[in-house]
Amino acid sequence: MNIKVVTGGILEKNGKFLLVEENKKECRGKWNVPAGGLVENESLIEGAKREIYEETGCKVEITGILEIINMILEEINVVCFLFNTKIIEENIKADGEEISNVKWFTYEEITNMKD
C-alpha cells in the first residue's frame, strides 16, 4: 500500500476562515483548507507553509498542530497533518490552475456547506 503525506493549515482572521475552491478534475468546485502533498526532503512545517502560500498567496507562521487525519483512499494510505497558523503577510490570490478561488467564510457558512 502506498502512503501519501498531506500537510496544510487553518487560517483565521476576525472570526472567519480562509478556504480554497479546488480546480483539480477529481474535486473541482469543492471548498477545502489549503493543503497538499509533501515533496521530497521537505519537513511537515515547510510543506504546510509552502502549500498555504501556493494556494492562497498568504505567508504564515505555524503556531501548533491542530489535527492528524488518516484515511484509506483507493489503496493509498493518506496521512494529513493540519496546523494552526498566524498570518504574517496577506496577499490573497488563487493560482487558477489547482485553485479557482480563495475566500473567507464564517464557521456557520462552513458548517452549512453540503460537502
PDB file of N, CA and C in Angstrom:
ATOM      1  N   MET A   1       0.847  -1.189   0.000  1.00  0.00           N
ATOM      2  CA  MET A   1       0.000   0.000   0.000  1.00  0.00           C
ATOM      3  C   MET A   1       0.885   1.242   0.000  1.00  0.00           C
ATOM      4  N   ASN A   2       0.552   2.211  -0.830  1.00  0.00           N
ATOM      5  CA  ASN A   2       1.280   3.472  -0.898  1.00  0.00           C
ATOM      6  C   ASN A   2       0.825   4.406   0.217  1.00  0.00           C
ATOM      7  N   ILE A   3       1.727   5.264   0.653  1.00  0.00           N
ATOM      8  CA  ILE A   3       1.414   6.264   1.673  1.00  0.00           C
ATOM      9  C   ILE A   3       1.610   7.645   1.058  1.00  0.00           C
ATOM     10  N   LYS A   4       0.643   8.532   1.282  1.00  0.00           N
ATOM     11  CA  LYS A   4       0.757   9.921   0.847  1.00  0.00           C
ATOM     12  C   LYS A   4       0.635  10.811   2.070  1.00  0.00           C
ATOM     13  N   VAL A   5       1.593  11.711   2.244  1.00  0.00           N
ATOM     14  CA  VAL A   5       1.574  12.652   3.356  1.00  0.00           C
ATOM     15  C   VAL A   5       1.095  14.003   2.824  1.00  0.00           C
ATOM     16  N   VAL A   6       0.050  14.528   3.465  1.00  0.00           N
ATOM     17  CA  VAL A   6      -0.536  15.821   3.113  1.00  0.00           C
ATOM     18  C   VAL A   6      -0.357  16.747   4.302  1.00  0.00           C
ATOM     19  N   THR A   7      -0.057  18.004   4.032  1.00  0.00           N
ATOM     20  CA  THR A   7       0.130  18.964   5.107  1.00  0.00           C
ATOM     21  C   THR A   7      -0.483  20.307   4.709  1.00  0.00           C
ATOM     22  N   GLY A   8      -1.025  21.013   5.680  1.00  0.00           N
ATOM     23  CA  GLY A   8      -1.664  22.298   5.403  1.00  0.00           C
ATOM     24  C   GLY A   8      -2.040  22.993   6.693  1.00  0.00           C
ATOM     25  N   GLY A   9      -2.899  23.995   6.604  1.00  0.00           N
ATOM     26  CA  GLY A   9      -3.227  24.733   7.812  1.00  0.00           C
ATOM     27  C   GLY A   9      -4.530  25.493   7.751  1.00  0.00           C
ATOM     28  N   ILE A  10      -4.925  25.943   8.914  1.00  0.00           N
ATOM     29  CA  ILE A  10      -6.134  26.741   9.105  1.00  0.00           C
ATOM     30  C   ILE A  10      -5.718  28.200   9.267  1.00  0.00           C
ATOM     31  N   LEU A  11      -6.285  29.057   8.435  1.00  0.00           N
ATOM     32  CA  LEU A  11      -6.032  30.496   8.531  1.00  0.00           C
ATOM     33  C   LEU A  11      -7.311  31.151   9.032  1.00  0.00           C
ATOM     34  N   GLU A  12      -7.218  31.876  10.150  1.00  0.00           N
ATOM     35  CA  GLU A  12      -8.385  32.518  10.764  1.00  0.00           C
ATOM     36  C   GLU A  12      -8.092  33.994  10.957  1.00  0.00           C
ATOM     37  N   LYS A  13      -9.097  34.820  10.669  1.00  0.00           N
ATOM     38  CA  LYS A  13      -8.969  36.265  10.874  1.00  0.00           C
ATOM     39  C   LYS A  13     -10.357  36.836  11.141  1.00  0.00           C
ATOM     40  N   ASN A  14     -10.484  37.539  12.253  1.00  0.00           N
ATOM     41  CA  ASN A  14     -11.756  38.190  12.604  1.00  0.00           C
ATOM     42  C   ASN A  14     -12.939  37.236  12.570  1.00  0.00           C
ATOM     43  N   GLY A  15     -12.737  36.017  13.073  1.00  0.00           N
ATOM     44  CA  GLY A  15     -13.815  35.044  13.146  1.00  0.00           C
ATOM     45  C   GLY A  15     -14.151  34.361  11.833  1.00  0.00           C
ATOM     46  N   LYS A  16     -13.336  34.575  10.796  1.00  0.00           N
ATOM     47  CA  LYS A  16     -13.564  33.919   9.504  1.00  0.00           C
ATOM     48  C   LYS A  16     -12.368  33.039   9.171  1.00  0.00           C
ATOM     49  N   PHE A  17     -12.626  32.038   8.314  1.00  0.00           N
ATOM     50  CA  PHE A  17     -11.615  31.059   7.951  1.00  0.00           C
ATOM     51  C   PHE A  17     -11.409  31.096   6.442  1.00  0.00           C
ATOM     52  N   LEU A  18     -10.143  31.033   6.024  1.00  0.00           N
ATOM     53  CA  LEU A  18      -9.815  31.104   4.608  1.00  0.00           C
ATOM     54  C   LEU A  18      -9.831  29.715   3.989  1.00  0.00           C
ATOM     55  N   LEU A  19     -10.679  29.544   2.983  1.00  0.00           N
ATOM     56  CA  LEU A  19     -10.782  28.269   2.272  1.00  0.00           C
ATOM     57  C   LEU A  19     -10.437  28.477   0.806  1.00  0.00           C
ATOM     58  N   VAL A  20     -10.072  27.371   0.160  1.00  0.00           N
ATOM     59  CA  VAL A  20      -9.743  27.399  -1.262  1.00  0.00           C
ATOM     60  C   VAL A  20     -10.731  26.523  -2.022  1.00  0.00           C
ATOM     61  N   GLU A  21     -11.119  26.976  -3.214  1.00  0.00           N
ATOM     62  CA  GLU A  21     -12.002  26.193  -4.068  1.00  0.00           C
ATOM     63  C   GLU A  21     -11.136  25.394  -5.037  1.00  0.00           C
ATOM     64  N   GLU A  22     -11.272  24.084  -4.966  1.00  0.00           N
ATOM     65  CA  GLU A  22     -10.445  23.183  -5.766  1.00  0.00           C
ATOM     66  C   GLU A  22     -10.778  23.309  -7.248  1.00  0.00           C
ATOM     67  N   ASN A  23      -9.742  23.216  -8.091  1.00  0.00           N
ATOM     68  CA  ASN A  23      -9.926  23.274  -9.532  1.00  0.00           C
ATOM     69  C   ASN A  23      -9.457  21.986 -10.213  1.00  0.00           C
ATOM     70  N   LYS A  24      -8.911  21.050  -9.421  1.00  0.00           N
ATOM     71  CA  LYS A  24      -8.469  19.776  -9.987  1.00  0.00           C
ATOM     72  C   LYS A  24      -9.696  18.948 -10.368  1.00  0.00           C
ATOM     73  N   LYS A  25      -9.590  18.200 -11.455  1.00  0.00           N
ATOM     74  CA  LYS A  25     -10.720  17.468 -12.019  1.00  0.00           C
ATOM     75  C   LYS A  25     -11.463  16.620 -10.981  1.00  0.00           C
ATOM     76  N   GLU A  26     -10.725  15.880 -10.143  1.00  0.00           N
ATOM     77  CA  GLU A  26     -11.355  14.946  -9.208  1.00  0.00           C
ATOM     78  C   GLU A  26     -12.099  15.627  -8.054  1.00  0.00           C
ATOM     79  N   CYS A  27     -11.845  16.910  -7.828  1.00  0.00           N
ATOM     80  CA  CYS A  27     -12.534  17.591  -6.715  1.00  0.00           C
ATOM     81  C   CYS A  27     -12.942  19.023  -7.077  1.00  0.00           C
ATOM     82  N   ARG A  28     -13.096  19.310  -8.351  1.00  0.00           N
ATOM     83  CA  ARG A  28     -13.438  20.655  -8.827  1.00  0.00           C
ATOM     84  C   ARG A  28     -14.703  21.178  -8.140  1.00  0.00           C
ATOM     85  N   GLY A  29     -14.612  22.433  -7.670  1.00  0.00           N
ATOM     86  CA  GLY A  29     -15.763  23.090  -7.055  1.00  0.00           C
ATOM     87  C   GLY A  29     -15.911  22.875  -5.563  1.00  0.00           C
ATOM     88  N   LYS A  30     -15.137  21.977  -4.987  1.00  0.00           N
ATOM     89  CA  LYS A  30     -15.220  21.729  -3.543  1.00  0.00           C
ATOM     90  C   LYS A  30     -14.333  22.730  -2.799  1.00  0.00           C
ATOM     91  N   TRP A  31     -14.835  23.195  -1.659  1.00  0.00           N
ATOM     92  CA  TRP A  31     -14.059  24.104  -0.811  1.00  0.00           C
ATOM     93  C   TRP A  31     -13.285  23.278   0.202  1.00  0.00           C
ATOM     94  N   ASN A  32     -12.055  23.696   0.486  1.00  0.00           N
ATOM     95  CA  ASN A  32     -11.169  22.936   1.350  1.00  0.00           C
ATOM     96  C   ASN A  32     -10.218  23.883   2.076  1.00  0.00           C
ATOM     97  N   VAL A  33      -9.551  23.369   3.092  1.00  0.00           N
ATOM     98  CA  VAL A  33      -8.475  24.134   3.720  1.00  0.00           C
ATOM     99  C   VAL A  33      -7.273  24.058   2.787  1.00  0.00           C
ATOM    100  N   PRO A  34      -6.403  25.065   2.785  1.00  0.00           N
ATOM    101  CA  PRO A  34      -5.219  24.999   1.940  1.00  0.00           C
ATOM    102  C   PRO A  34      -4.273  23.903   2.422  1.00  0.00           C
ATOM    103  N   ALA A  35      -4.020  22.932   1.568  1.00  0.00           N
ATOM    104  CA  ALA A  35      -3.172  21.790   1.932  1.00  0.00           C
ATOM    105  C   ALA A  35      -2.763  21.066   0.659  1.00  0.00           C
ATOM    106  N   GLY A  36      -1.721  20.262   0.780  1.00  0.00           N
ATOM    107  CA  GLY A  36      -1.281  19.478  -0.361  1.00  0.00           C
ATOM    108  C   GLY A  36      -0.198  18.506   0.030  1.00  0.00           C
ATOM    109  N   GLY A  37       0.256  17.771  -0.951  1.00  0.00           N
ATOM    110  CA  GLY A  37       1.238  16.721  -0.721  1.00  0.00           C
ATOM    111  C   GLY A  37       2.621  17.248  -0.386  1.00  0.00           C
ATOM    112  N   LEU A  38       3.259  16.553   0.522  1.00  0.00           N
ATOM    113  CA  LEU A  38       4.634  16.845   0.910  1.00  0.00           C
ATOM    114  C   LEU A  38       5.556  16.453  -0.238  1.00  0.00           C
ATOM    115  N   VAL A  39       6.565  17.257  -0.501  1.00  0.00           N
ATOM    116  CA  VAL A  39       7.543  16.912  -1.540  1.00  0.00           C
ATOM    117  C   VAL A  39       8.818  16.373  -0.891  1.00  0.00           C
ATOM    118  N   GLU A  40       9.657  15.760  -1.699  1.00  0.00           N
ATOM    119  CA  GLU A  40      10.875  15.125  -1.206  1.00  0.00           C
ATOM    120  C   GLU A  40      11.770  16.118  -0.447  1.00  0.00           C
ATOM    121  N   ASN A  41      12.325  15.652   0.667  1.00  0.00           N
ATOM    122  CA  ASN A  41      13.244  16.429   1.521  1.00  0.00           C
ATOM    123  C   ASN A  41      12.599  17.675   2.129  1.00  0.00           C
ATOM    124  N   GLU A  42      11.296  17.635   2.387  1.00  0.00           N
ATOM    125  CA  GLU A  42      10.579  18.767   2.960  1.00  0.00           C
ATOM    126  C   GLU A  42       9.994  18.355   4.304  1.00  0.00           C
ATOM    127  N   SER A  43      10.123  19.209   5.305  1.00  0.00           N
ATOM    128  CA  SER A  43       9.523  18.916   6.604  1.00  0.00           C
ATOM    129  C   SER A  43       8.026  19.198   6.551  1.00  0.00           C
ATOM    130  N   LEU A  44       7.299  18.684   7.535  1.00  0.00           N
ATOM    131  CA  LEU A  44       5.853  18.935   7.605  1.00  0.00           C
ATOM    132  C   LEU A  44       5.548  20.428   7.660  1.00  0.00           C
ATOM    133  N   ILE A  45       6.315  21.155   8.461  1.00  0.00           N
ATOM    134  CA  ILE A  45       6.082  22.592   8.617  1.00  0.00           C
ATOM    135  C   ILE A  45       6.431  23.344   7.344  1.00  0.00           C
ATOM    136  N   GLU A  46       7.564  23.020   6.734  1.00  0.00           N
ATOM    137  CA  GLU A  46       7.925  23.657   5.463  1.00  0.00           C
ATOM    138  C   GLU A  46       6.859  23.394   4.411  1.00  0.00           C
ATOM    139  N   GLY A  47       6.367  22.149   4.361  1.00  0.00           N
ATOM    140  CA  GLY A  47       5.334  21.787   3.394  1.00  0.00           C
ATOM    141  C   GLY A  47       4.038  22.543   3.616  1.00  0.00           C
ATOM    142  N   ALA A  48       3.625  22.676   4.872  1.00  0.00           N
ATOM    143  CA  ALA A  48       2.396  23.409   5.187  1.00  0.00           C
ATOM    144  C   ALA A  48       2.525  24.871   4.763  1.00  0.00           C
ATOM    145  N   LYS A  49       3.636  25.498   5.092  1.00  0.00           N
ATOM    146  CA  LYS A  49       3.847  26.904   4.730  1.00  0.00           C
ATOM    147  C   LYS A  49       3.872  27.086   3.212  1.00  0.00           C
ATOM    148  N   ARG A  50       4.523  26.163   2.503  1.00  0.00           N
ATOM    149  CA  ARG A  50       4.603  26.237   1.050  1.00  0.00           C
ATOM    150  C   ARG A  50       3.218  26.078   0.420  1.00  0.00           C
ATOM    151  N   GLU A  51       2.487  25.042   0.846  1.00  0.00           N
ATOM    152  CA  GLU A  51       1.161  24.796   0.282  1.00  0.00           C
ATOM    153  C   GLU A  51       0.214  25.962   0.542  1.00  0.00           C
ATOM    154  N   ILE A  52       0.232  26.491   1.753  1.00  0.00           N
ATOM    155  CA  ILE A  52      -0.628  27.630   2.090  1.00  0.00           C
ATOM    156  C   ILE A  52      -0.288  28.825   1.199  1.00  0.00           C
ATOM    157  N   TYR A  53       0.993  29.092   1.021  1.00  0.00           N
ATOM    158  CA  TYR A  53       1.404  30.213   0.174  1.00  0.00           C
ATOM    159  C   TYR A  53       1.005  29.984  -1.280  1.00  0.00           C
ATOM    160  N   GLU A  54       1.273  28.769  -1.798  1.00  0.00           N
ATOM    161  CA  GLU A  54       0.944  28.471  -3.192  1.00  0.00           C
ATOM    162  C   GLU A  54      -0.552  28.575  -3.465  1.00  0.00           C
ATOM    163  N   GLU A  55      -1.372  28.132  -2.518  1.00  0.00           N
ATOM    164  CA  GLU A  55      -2.813  28.076  -2.744  1.00  0.00           C
ATOM    165  C   GLU A  55      -3.564  29.353  -2.377  1.00  0.00           C
ATOM    166  N   THR A  56      -2.988  30.184  -1.479  1.00  0.00           N
ATOM    167  CA  THR A  56      -3.711  31.380  -1.026  1.00  0.00           C
ATOM    168  C   THR A  56      -2.971  32.688  -1.258  1.00  0.00           C
ATOM    169  N   GLY A  57      -1.643  32.633  -1.421  1.00  0.00           N
ATOM    170  CA  GLY A  57      -0.846  33.848  -1.517  1.00  0.00           C
ATOM    171  C   GLY A  57      -0.461  34.407  -0.159  1.00  0.00           C
ATOM    172  N   CYS A  58      -0.841  33.729   0.930  1.00  0.00           N
ATOM    173  CA  CYS A  58      -0.548  34.203   2.285  1.00  0.00           C
ATOM    174  C   CYS A  58       0.699  33.524   2.852  1.00  0.00           C
ATOM    175  N   LYS A  59       1.523  34.313   3.529  1.00  0.00           N
ATOM    176  CA  LYS A  59       2.659  33.764   4.265  1.00  0.00           C
ATOM    177  C   LYS A  59       2.217  33.612   5.718  1.00  0.00           C
ATOM    178  N   VAL A  60       2.546  32.459   6.308  1.00  0.00           N
ATOM    179  CA  VAL A  60       2.101  32.185   7.677  1.00  0.00           C
ATOM    180  C   VAL A  60       3.243  31.690   8.547  1.00  0.00           C
ATOM    181  N   GLU A  61       2.998  31.784   9.833  1.00  0.00           N
ATOM    182  CA  GLU A  61       3.840  31.159  10.854  1.00  0.00           C
ATOM    183  C   GLU A  61       3.020  30.004  11.417  1.00  0.00           C
ATOM    184  N   ILE A  62       3.640  28.856  11.599  1.00  0.00           N
ATOM    185  CA  ILE A  62       2.951  27.709  12.188  1.00  0.00           C
ATOM    186  C   ILE A  62       2.986  27.873  13.705  1.00  0.00           C
ATOM    187  N   THR A  63       1.807  27.788  14.338  1.00  0.00           N
ATOM    188  CA  THR A  63       1.733  28.004  15.790  1.00  0.00           C
ATOM    189  C   THR A  63       1.420  26.736  16.575  1.00  0.00           C
ATOM    190  N   GLY A  64       1.077  25.659  15.887  1.00  0.00           N
ATOM    191  CA  GLY A  64       0.796  24.409  16.595  1.00  0.00           C
ATOM    192  C   GLY A  64       0.091  23.416  15.689  1.00  0.00           C
ATOM    193  N   ILE A  65       0.016  22.196  16.164  1.00  0.00           N
ATOM    194  CA  ILE A  65      -0.677  21.150  15.403  1.00  0.00           C
ATOM    195  C   ILE A  65      -2.161  21.184  15.776  1.00  0.00           C
ATOM    196  N   LEU A  66      -3.028  21.111  14.794  1.00  0.00           N
ATOM    197  CA  LEU A  66      -4.464  21.125  15.039  1.00  0.00           C
ATOM    198  C   LEU A  66      -5.029  19.713  15.015  1.00  0.00           C
ATOM    199  N   GLU A  67      -4.664  18.950  13.970  1.00  0.00           N
ATOM    200  CA  GLU A  67      -5.270  17.630  13.825  1.00  0.00           C
ATOM    201  C   GLU A  67      -4.420  16.760  12.909  1.00  0.00           C
ATOM    202  N   ILE A  68      -4.437  15.467  13.181  1.00  0.00           N
ATOM    203  CA  ILE A  68      -3.842  14.477  12.294  1.00  0.00           C
ATOM    204  C   ILE A  68      -4.976  13.585  11.824  1.00  0.00           C
ATOM    205  N   ILE A  69      -5.136  13.488  10.506  1.00  0.00           N
ATOM    206  CA  ILE A  69      -6.222  12.720   9.913  1.00  0.00           C
ATOM    207  C   ILE A  69      -5.616  11.579   9.109  1.00  0.00           C
ATOM    208  N   ASN A  70      -6.196  10.390   9.226  1.00  0.00           N
ATOM    209  CA  ASN A  70      -5.722   9.235   8.469  1.00  0.00           C
ATOM    210  C   ASN A  70      -6.907   8.584   7.776  1.00  0.00           C
ATOM    211  N   MET A  71      -6.766   8.351   6.466  1.00  0.00           N
ATOM    212  CA  MET A  71      -7.837   7.689   5.714  1.00  0.00           C
ATOM    213  C   MET A  71      -7.233   6.857   4.586  1.00  0.00           C
ATOM    214  N   ILE A  72      -7.952   5.814   4.202  1.00  0.00           N
ATOM    215  CA  ILE A  72      -7.533   4.969   3.086  1.00  0.00           C
ATOM    216  C   ILE A  72      -8.397   5.335   1.879  1.00  0.00           C
ATOM    217  N   LEU A  73      -7.755   5.791   0.800  1.00  0.00           N
ATOM    218  CA  LEU A  73      -8.460   6.164  -0.421  1.00  0.00           C
ATOM    219  C   LEU A  73      -7.867   5.386  -1.587  1.00  0.00           C
ATOM    220  N   GLU A  74      -8.648   4.491  -2.165  1.00  0.00           N
ATOM    221  CA  GLU A  74      -8.221   3.718  -3.326  1.00  0.00           C
ATOM    222  C   GLU A  74      -6.819   3.120  -3.144  1.00  0.00           C
ATOM    223  N   GLU A  75      -6.639   2.402  -2.089  1.00  0.00           N
ATOM    224  CA  GLU A  75      -5.401   1.708  -1.760  1.00  0.00           C
ATOM    225  C   GLU A  75      -4.216   2.639  -1.485  1.00  0.00           C
ATOM    226  N   ILE A  76      -4.513   3.888  -1.145  1.00  0.00           N
ATOM    227  CA  ILE A  76      -3.478   4.832  -0.727  1.00  0.00           C
ATOM    228  C   ILE A  76      -3.782   5.228   0.711  1.00  0.00           C
ATOM    229  N   ASN A  77      -2.808   5.062   1.579  1.00  0.00           N
ATOM    230  CA  ASN A  77      -2.941   5.462   2.974  1.00  0.00           C
ATOM    231  C   ASN A  77      -2.559   6.945   3.056  1.00  0.00           C
ATOM    232  N   VAL A  78      -3.552   7.812   3.253  1.00  0.00           N
ATOM    233  CA  VAL A  78      -3.328   9.255   3.308  1.00  0.00           C
ATOM    234  C   VAL A  78      -3.250   9.682   4.772  1.00  0.00           C
ATOM    235  N   VAL A  79      -2.153  10.352   5.112  1.00  0.00           N
ATOM    236  CA  VAL A  79      -1.966  10.900   6.449  1.00  0.00           C
ATOM    237  C   VAL A  79      -1.856  12.413   6.290  1.00  0.00           C
ATOM    238  N   CYS A  80      -2.785  13.129   6.903  1.00  0.00           N
ATOM    239  CA  CYS A  80      -2.858  14.587   6.749  1.00  0.00           C
ATOM    240  C   CYS A  80      -2.569  15.275   8.083  1.00  0.00           C
ATOM    241  N   PHE A  81      -1.627  16.204   8.067  1.00  0.00           N
ATOM    242  CA  PHE A  81      -1.267  16.994   9.245  1.00  0.00           C
ATOM    243  C   PHE A  81      -1.762  18.421   9.024  1.00  0.00           C
ATOM    244  N   LEU A  82      -2.714  18.865   9.852  1.00  0.00           N
ATOM    245  CA  LEU A  82      -3.239  20.226   9.763  1.00  0.00           C
ATOM    246  C   LEU A  82      -2.712  21.049  10.931  1.00  0.00           C
ATOM    247  N   PHE A  83      -2.221  22.239  10.624  1.00  0.00           N
ATOM    248  CA  PHE A  83      -1.615  23.110  11.626  1.00  0.00           C
ATOM    249  C   PHE A  83      -2.438  24.360  11.855  1.00  0.00           C
ATOM    250  N   ASN A  84      -2.337  24.910  13.059  1.00  0.00           N
ATOM    251  CA  ASN A  84      -2.833  26.251  13.349  1.00  0.00           C
ATOM    252  C   ASN A  84      -1.783  27.215  12.817  1.00  0.00           C
ATOM    253  N   THR A  85      -2.228  28.377  12.336  1.00  0.00           N
ATOM    254  CA  THR A  85      -1.284  29.342  11.777  1.00  0.00           C
ATOM    255  C   THR A  85      -1.570  30.752  12.260  1.00  0.00           C
ATOM    256  N   LYS A  86      -0.577  31.591  12.057  1.00  0.00           N
ATOM    257  CA  LYS A  86      -0.718  33.036  12.261  1.00  0.00           C
ATOM    258  C   LYS A  86      -0.332  33.673  10.930  1.00  0.00           C
ATOM    259  N   ILE A  87      -1.193  34.525  10.399  1.00  0.00           N
ATOM    260  CA  ILE A  87      -0.918  35.165   9.113  1.00  0.00           C
ATOM    261  C   ILE A  87       0.146  36.241   9.310  1.00  0.00           C
ATOM    262  N   ILE A  88       1.218  36.145   8.525  1.00  0.00           N
ATOM    263  CA  ILE A  88       2.306  37.121   8.562  1.00  0.00           C
ATOM    264  C   ILE A  88       2.132  38.135   7.439  1.00  0.00           C
ATOM    265  N   GLU A  89       1.750  37.641   6.263  1.00  0.00           N
ATOM    266  CA  GLU A  89       1.564  38.500   5.093  1.00  0.00           C
ATOM    267  C   GLU A  89       0.351  38.007   4.315  1.00  0.00           C
ATOM    268  N   GLU A  90      -0.633  38.885   4.150  1.00  0.00           N
ATOM    269  CA  GLU A  90      -1.868  38.514   3.467  1.00  0.00           C
ATOM    270  C   GLU A  90      -1.893  39.123   2.070  1.00  0.00           C
ATOM    271  N   ASN A  91      -1.843  38.264   1.065  1.00  0.00           N
ATOM    272  CA  ASN A  91      -1.885  38.684  -0.330  1.00  0.00           C
ATOM    273  C   ASN A  91      -2.732  37.659  -1.083  1.00  0.00           C
ATOM    274  N   ILE A  92      -4.018  37.638  -0.805  1.00  0.00           N
ATOM    275  CA  ILE A  92      -4.902  36.568  -1.267  1.00  0.00           C
ATOM    276  C   ILE A  92      -5.041  36.548  -2.781  1.00  0.00           C
ATOM    277  N   LYS A  93      -4.748  35.361  -3.336  1.00  0.00           N
ATOM    278  CA  LYS A  93      -4.923  35.141  -4.764  1.00  0.00           C
ATOM    279  C   LYS A  93      -4.994  33.646  -5.035  1.00  0.00           C
ATOM    280  N   ALA A  94      -5.769  33.270  -6.025  1.00  0.00           N
ATOM    281  CA  ALA A  94      -5.858  31.872  -6.456  1.00  0.00           C
ATOM    282  C   ALA A  94      -4.891  31.664  -7.607  1.00  0.00           C
ATOM    283  N   ASP A  95      -4.268  30.493  -7.671  1.00  0.00           N
ATOM    284  CA  ASP A  95      -3.306  30.241  -8.750  1.00  0.00           C
ATOM    285  C   ASP A  95      -3.977  29.968 -10.092  1.00  0.00           C
ATOM    286  N   GLY A  96      -5.283  29.660 -10.088  1.00  0.00           N
ATOM    287  CA  GLY A  96      -6.010  29.435 -11.325  1.00  0.00           C
ATOM    288  C   GLY A  96      -5.840  28.045 -11.905  1.00  0.00           C
ATOM    289  N   GLU A  97      -4.775  27.356 -11.532  1.00  0.00           N
ATOM    290  CA  GLU A  97      -4.535  26.012 -12.047  1.00  0.00           C
ATOM    291  C   GLU A  97      -5.129  24.964 -11.110  1.00  0.00           C
ATOM    292  N   GLU A  98      -4.609  24.870  -9.892  1.00  0.00           N
ATOM    293  CA  GLU A  98      -5.143  23.918  -8.907  1.00  0.00           C
ATOM    294  C   GLU A  98      -6.279  24.524  -8.100  1.00  0.00           C
ATOM    295  N   ILE A  99      -6.244  25.843  -7.919  1.00  0.00           N
ATOM    296  CA  ILE A  99      -7.213  26.554  -7.075  1.00  0.00           C
ATOM    297  C   ILE A  99      -7.915  27.607  -7.923  1.00  0.00           C
ATOM    298  N   SER A 100      -9.264  27.591  -7.921  1.00  0.00           N
ATOM    299  CA  SER A 100     -10.005  28.557  -8.731  1.00  0.00           C
ATOM    300  C   SER A 100     -10.454  29.788  -7.950  1.00  0.00           C
ATOM    301  N   ASN A 101     -10.510  29.678  -6.601  1.00  0.00           N
ATOM    302  CA  ASN A 101     -10.987  30.804  -5.798  1.00  0.00           C
ATOM    303  C   ASN A 101     -10.474  30.658  -4.370  1.00  0.00           C
ATOM    304  N   VAL A 102     -10.302  31.781  -3.703  1.00  0.00           N
ATOM    305  CA  VAL A 102      -9.893  31.819  -2.296  1.00  0.00           C
ATOM    306  C   VAL A 102     -10.831  32.803  -1.601  1.00  0.00           C
ATOM    307  N   LYS A 103     -11.448  32.370  -0.490  1.00  0.00           N
ATOM    308  CA  LYS A 103     -12.478  33.217   0.118  1.00  0.00           C
ATOM    309  C   LYS A 103     -12.569  32.977   1.630  1.00  0.00           C
ATOM    310  N   TRP A 104     -12.904  34.048   2.358  1.00  0.00           N
ATOM    311  CA  TRP A 104     -13.137  33.960   3.798  1.00  0.00           C
ATOM    312  C   TRP A 104     -14.567  33.503   4.070  1.00  0.00           C
ATOM    313  N   PHE A 105     -14.739  32.592   5.030  1.00  0.00           N
ATOM    314  CA  PHE A 105     -16.053  32.085   5.427  1.00  0.00           C
ATOM    315  C   PHE A 105     -16.179  32.114   6.944  1.00  0.00           C
ATOM    316  N   THR A 106     -17.411  32.338   7.423  1.00  0.00           N
ATOM    317  CA  THR A 106     -17.670  32.194   8.858  1.00  0.00           C
ATOM    318  C   THR A 106     -17.782  30.701   9.172  1.00  0.00           C
ATOM    319  N   TYR A 107     -17.696  30.372  10.439  1.00  0.00           N
ATOM    320  CA  TYR A 107     -17.841  28.977  10.871  1.00  0.00           C
ATOM    321  C   TYR A 107     -19.213  28.448  10.461  1.00  0.00           C
ATOM    322  N   GLU A 108     -20.249  29.269  10.616  1.00  0.00           N
ATOM    323  CA  GLU A 108     -21.601  28.860  10.265  1.00  0.00           C
ATOM    324  C   GLU A 108     -21.717  28.575   8.771  1.00  0.00           C
ATOM    325  N   GLU A 109     -21.112  29.406   7.937  1.00  0.00           N
ATOM    326  CA  GLU A 109     -21.143  29.165   6.490  1.00  0.00           C
ATOM    327  C   GLU A 109     -20.472  27.839   6.144  1.00  0.00           C
ATOM    328  N   ILE A 110     -19.371  27.541   6.830  1.00  0.00           N
ATOM    329  CA  ILE A 110     -18.655  26.285   6.570  1.00  0.00           C
ATOM    330  C   ILE A 110     -19.492  25.085   6.998  1.00  0.00           C
ATOM    331  N   THR A 111     -20.093  25.154   8.175  1.00  0.00           N
ATOM    332  CA  THR A 111     -20.880  24.007   8.657  1.00  0.00           C
ATOM    333  C   THR A 111     -22.150  23.802   7.834  1.00  0.00           C
ATOM    334  N   ASN A 112     -22.598  24.835   7.133  1.00  0.00           N
ATOM    335  CA  ASN A 112     -23.788  24.707   6.284  1.00  0.00           C
ATOM    336  C   ASN A 112     -23.471  24.252   4.858  1.00  0.00           C
ATOM    337  N   MET A 113     -22.186  24.083   4.538  1.00  0.00           N
ATOM    338  CA  MET A 113     -21.810  23.604   3.206  1.00  0.00           C
ATOM    339  C   MET A 113     -22.221  22.143   3.064  1.00  0.00           C
ATOM    340  N   LYS A 114     -22.594  21.753   1.840  1.00  0.00           N
ATOM    341  CA  LYS A 114     -23.028  20.376   1.607  1.00  0.00           C
ATOM    342  C   LYS A 114     -21.862  19.415   1.608  1.00  0.00           C
ATOM    343  N   ASP A 115     -20.713  19.797   1.068  1.00  0.00           N
ATOM    344  CA  ASP A 115     -19.524  18.929   1.020  1.00  0.00           C
ATOM    345  C   ASP A 115     -18.387  19.569   1.769  1.00  0.00           C
TER     346      ASP A 115
END
